[in-house]
N, C-alpha and C. Protein backbone atom coordinates (compact mmCIF):
# COMPACT_ATOMS: atom_id res chain seq x y z
N MET A 1 220.99 51.30 178.19
CA MET A 1 220.50 50.95 179.51
C MET A 1 220.68 52.17 180.42
N ASN A 2 219.62 52.53 181.15
CA ASN A 2 219.74 53.70 182.02
C ASN A 2 220.37 53.32 183.36
N GLU A 3 220.58 54.31 184.17
CA GLU A 3 221.32 54.13 185.43
C GLU A 3 220.58 53.23 186.42
N ILE A 4 219.27 53.39 186.52
CA ILE A 4 218.52 52.62 187.53
C ILE A 4 218.57 51.13 187.24
N SER A 5 218.53 50.75 185.98
CA SER A 5 218.57 49.32 185.66
C SER A 5 219.95 48.73 185.97
N LYS A 6 221.00 49.52 185.81
CA LYS A 6 222.34 49.04 186.17
C LYS A 6 222.43 48.80 187.67
N TYR A 7 221.89 49.73 188.45
CA TYR A 7 221.93 49.58 189.91
C TYR A 7 221.11 48.38 190.37
N ILE A 8 219.96 48.16 189.75
CA ILE A 8 219.13 47.02 190.11
C ILE A 8 219.84 45.71 189.78
N MET A 9 220.55 45.67 188.66
CA MET A 9 221.29 44.45 188.30
C MET A 9 222.45 44.22 189.27
N ILE A 10 223.12 45.27 189.69
CA ILE A 10 224.23 45.14 190.64
C ILE A 10 223.71 44.65 191.99
N ILE A 11 222.61 45.23 192.46
CA ILE A 11 222.02 44.81 193.73
C ILE A 11 221.57 43.36 193.66
N GLY A 12 220.98 42.96 192.54
CA GLY A 12 220.57 41.57 192.36
C GLY A 12 221.75 40.61 192.39
N GLY A 13 222.85 41.00 191.76
CA GLY A 13 224.06 40.17 191.78
C GLY A 13 224.63 40.03 193.18
N ILE A 14 224.60 41.12 193.94
CA ILE A 14 225.11 41.09 195.31
C ILE A 14 224.24 40.19 196.18
N VAL A 15 222.92 40.30 196.03
CA VAL A 15 222.01 39.45 196.80
C VAL A 15 222.21 37.98 196.43
N PHE A 16 222.42 37.71 195.14
CA PHE A 16 222.68 36.34 194.70
C PHE A 16 223.96 35.80 195.34
N LEU A 17 225.03 36.59 195.34
CA LEU A 17 226.30 36.14 195.93
C LEU A 17 226.16 35.91 197.44
N ILE A 18 225.44 36.78 198.11
CA ILE A 18 225.23 36.60 199.54
C ILE A 18 224.46 35.31 199.81
N GLY A 19 223.43 35.05 199.02
CA GLY A 19 222.67 33.81 199.16
C GLY A 19 223.51 32.58 198.89
N LEU A 20 224.39 32.66 197.89
CA LEU A 20 225.27 31.55 197.58
C LEU A 20 226.26 31.29 198.71
N ILE A 21 226.81 32.34 199.27
CA ILE A 21 227.77 32.20 200.37
C ILE A 21 227.08 31.63 201.60
N MET A 22 225.84 32.06 201.86
CA MET A 22 225.14 31.59 203.05
C MET A 22 224.74 30.12 202.97
N GLN A 23 224.79 29.53 201.78
CA GLN A 23 224.53 28.10 201.65
C GLN A 23 225.66 27.28 202.27
N PHE A 24 226.87 27.83 202.26
CA PHE A 24 228.05 27.10 202.72
C PHE A 24 228.59 27.58 204.06
N VAL A 25 228.25 28.79 204.48
CA VAL A 25 228.70 29.34 205.75
C VAL A 25 227.51 29.38 206.69
N PRO A 26 227.53 28.58 207.75
CA PRO A 26 226.36 28.51 208.64
C PRO A 26 226.26 29.72 209.55
N ILE A 27 225.74 30.82 209.03
CA ILE A 27 225.55 32.01 209.86
C ILE A 27 224.08 32.09 210.22
N GLY A 28 223.77 32.55 211.39
CA GLY A 28 222.38 32.68 211.80
C GLY A 28 222.03 31.86 213.03
N LYS A 29 222.94 31.07 213.52
CA LYS A 29 222.68 30.30 214.73
C LYS A 29 223.80 30.53 215.74
N LEU A 30 224.02 31.81 216.02
CA LEU A 30 225.07 32.18 216.95
C LEU A 30 224.52 32.23 218.38
N PRO A 31 225.39 32.09 219.37
CA PRO A 31 224.94 32.26 220.74
C PRO A 31 224.43 33.69 220.94
N GLY A 32 223.30 33.86 221.56
CA GLY A 32 222.70 35.17 221.75
C GLY A 32 221.52 35.41 220.84
N ASP A 33 221.34 34.58 219.83
CA ASP A 33 220.15 34.67 218.99
C ASP A 33 218.96 34.16 219.78
N ILE A 34 217.83 34.84 219.66
CA ILE A 34 216.64 34.51 220.45
C ILE A 34 215.75 33.56 219.66
N MET A 35 215.42 32.41 220.26
CA MET A 35 214.50 31.47 219.64
C MET A 35 213.51 31.00 220.70
N ILE A 36 212.22 31.24 220.42
CA ILE A 36 211.16 30.83 221.32
C ILE A 36 210.28 29.84 220.57
N LYS A 37 210.23 28.60 221.07
CA LYS A 37 209.41 27.57 220.45
C LYS A 37 208.20 27.30 221.34
N LYS A 38 207.02 27.40 220.75
CA LYS A 38 205.77 27.04 221.43
C LYS A 38 205.20 25.83 220.73
N GLU A 39 204.00 25.46 221.07
CA GLU A 39 203.40 24.25 220.49
C GLU A 39 203.25 24.34 218.98
N HIS A 40 202.68 25.45 218.50
CA HIS A 40 202.36 25.55 217.08
C HIS A 40 203.07 26.71 216.39
N SER A 41 204.03 27.34 217.04
CA SER A 41 204.72 28.47 216.42
C SER A 41 206.14 28.57 216.94
N THR A 42 206.94 29.24 216.14
CA THR A 42 208.34 29.48 216.50
C THR A 42 208.66 30.94 216.19
N PHE A 43 209.30 31.61 217.15
CA PHE A 43 209.75 32.98 216.95
C PHE A 43 211.26 32.96 217.01
N TYR A 44 211.90 33.53 215.97
CA TYR A 44 213.36 33.54 215.90
C TYR A 44 213.82 34.95 215.58
N PHE A 45 214.64 35.52 216.43
CA PHE A 45 215.20 36.85 216.20
C PHE A 45 216.72 36.77 216.34
N PRO A 46 217.45 36.87 215.21
CA PRO A 46 218.91 36.69 215.23
C PRO A 46 219.63 37.98 215.62
N ILE A 47 219.55 38.38 216.88
CA ILE A 47 220.12 39.66 217.30
C ILE A 47 221.64 39.65 217.22
N THR A 48 222.28 38.59 217.64
CA THR A 48 223.74 38.52 217.56
C THR A 48 224.21 38.48 216.11
N THR A 49 223.50 37.75 215.27
CA THR A 49 223.85 37.70 213.86
C THR A 49 223.72 39.08 213.22
N CYS A 50 222.68 39.82 213.59
CA CYS A 50 222.50 41.17 213.06
C CYS A 50 223.64 42.09 213.47
N ILE A 51 224.09 41.97 214.69
CA ILE A 51 225.20 42.80 215.17
C ILE A 51 226.49 42.45 214.43
N VAL A 52 226.77 41.16 214.25
CA VAL A 52 227.98 40.74 213.54
C VAL A 52 227.95 41.22 212.09
N ILE A 53 226.82 41.05 211.42
CA ILE A 53 226.71 41.50 210.03
C ILE A 53 226.85 43.01 209.94
N SER A 54 226.30 43.74 210.89
CA SER A 54 226.42 45.20 210.91
C SER A 54 227.88 45.64 211.06
N ILE A 55 228.61 44.98 211.94
CA ILE A 55 230.03 45.33 212.13
C ILE A 55 230.83 45.04 210.87
N VAL A 56 230.60 43.88 210.26
CA VAL A 56 231.33 43.51 209.04
C VAL A 56 231.02 44.50 207.91
N LEU A 57 229.76 44.83 207.72
CA LEU A 57 229.40 45.77 206.65
C LEU A 57 229.94 47.17 206.94
N SER A 58 229.92 47.59 208.20
CA SER A 58 230.49 48.90 208.54
C SER A 58 231.97 48.97 208.21
N LEU A 59 232.71 47.91 208.56
CA LEU A 59 234.13 47.88 208.24
C LEU A 59 234.37 47.85 206.73
N LEU A 60 233.56 47.09 206.03
CA LEU A 60 233.70 47.01 204.57
C LEU A 60 233.45 48.36 203.91
N PHE A 61 232.36 49.03 204.30
CA PHE A 61 232.06 50.33 203.71
C PHE A 61 233.07 51.39 204.13
N TYR A 62 233.62 51.27 205.34
CA TYR A 62 234.67 52.21 205.77
C TYR A 62 235.91 52.03 204.89
N LEU A 63 236.30 50.79 204.64
CA LEU A 63 237.48 50.54 203.82
C LEU A 63 237.26 50.98 202.37
N ILE A 64 236.06 50.75 201.86
CA ILE A 64 235.77 51.19 200.49
C ILE A 64 235.83 52.72 200.41
N GLY A 65 235.28 53.40 201.41
CA GLY A 65 235.31 54.86 201.42
C GLY A 65 236.71 55.41 201.63
N LYS A 66 237.52 54.69 202.38
CA LYS A 66 238.89 55.16 202.67
C LYS A 66 239.78 55.12 201.42
N PHE A 67 239.62 54.10 200.60
CA PHE A 67 240.48 53.92 199.43
C PHE A 67 239.86 54.46 198.15
N ARG A 68 238.72 55.07 198.24
CA ARG A 68 238.05 55.59 197.04
C ARG A 68 238.59 56.91 196.63
């Protein structure tokens, strides 16, 4: 197995785990998320959720880089 297929399998496993966790942890409806409902359409932009996820991932990657 070459390197690219290993990386694709690892990324797929990570995406699977994130999806599994999000089934049980209600993330995405935080205060500050923008939701506009009209008659026939809905616009949803999770700005606060994006900021929280960015902070968590930044801390995680910082810790991984620090102990590597």
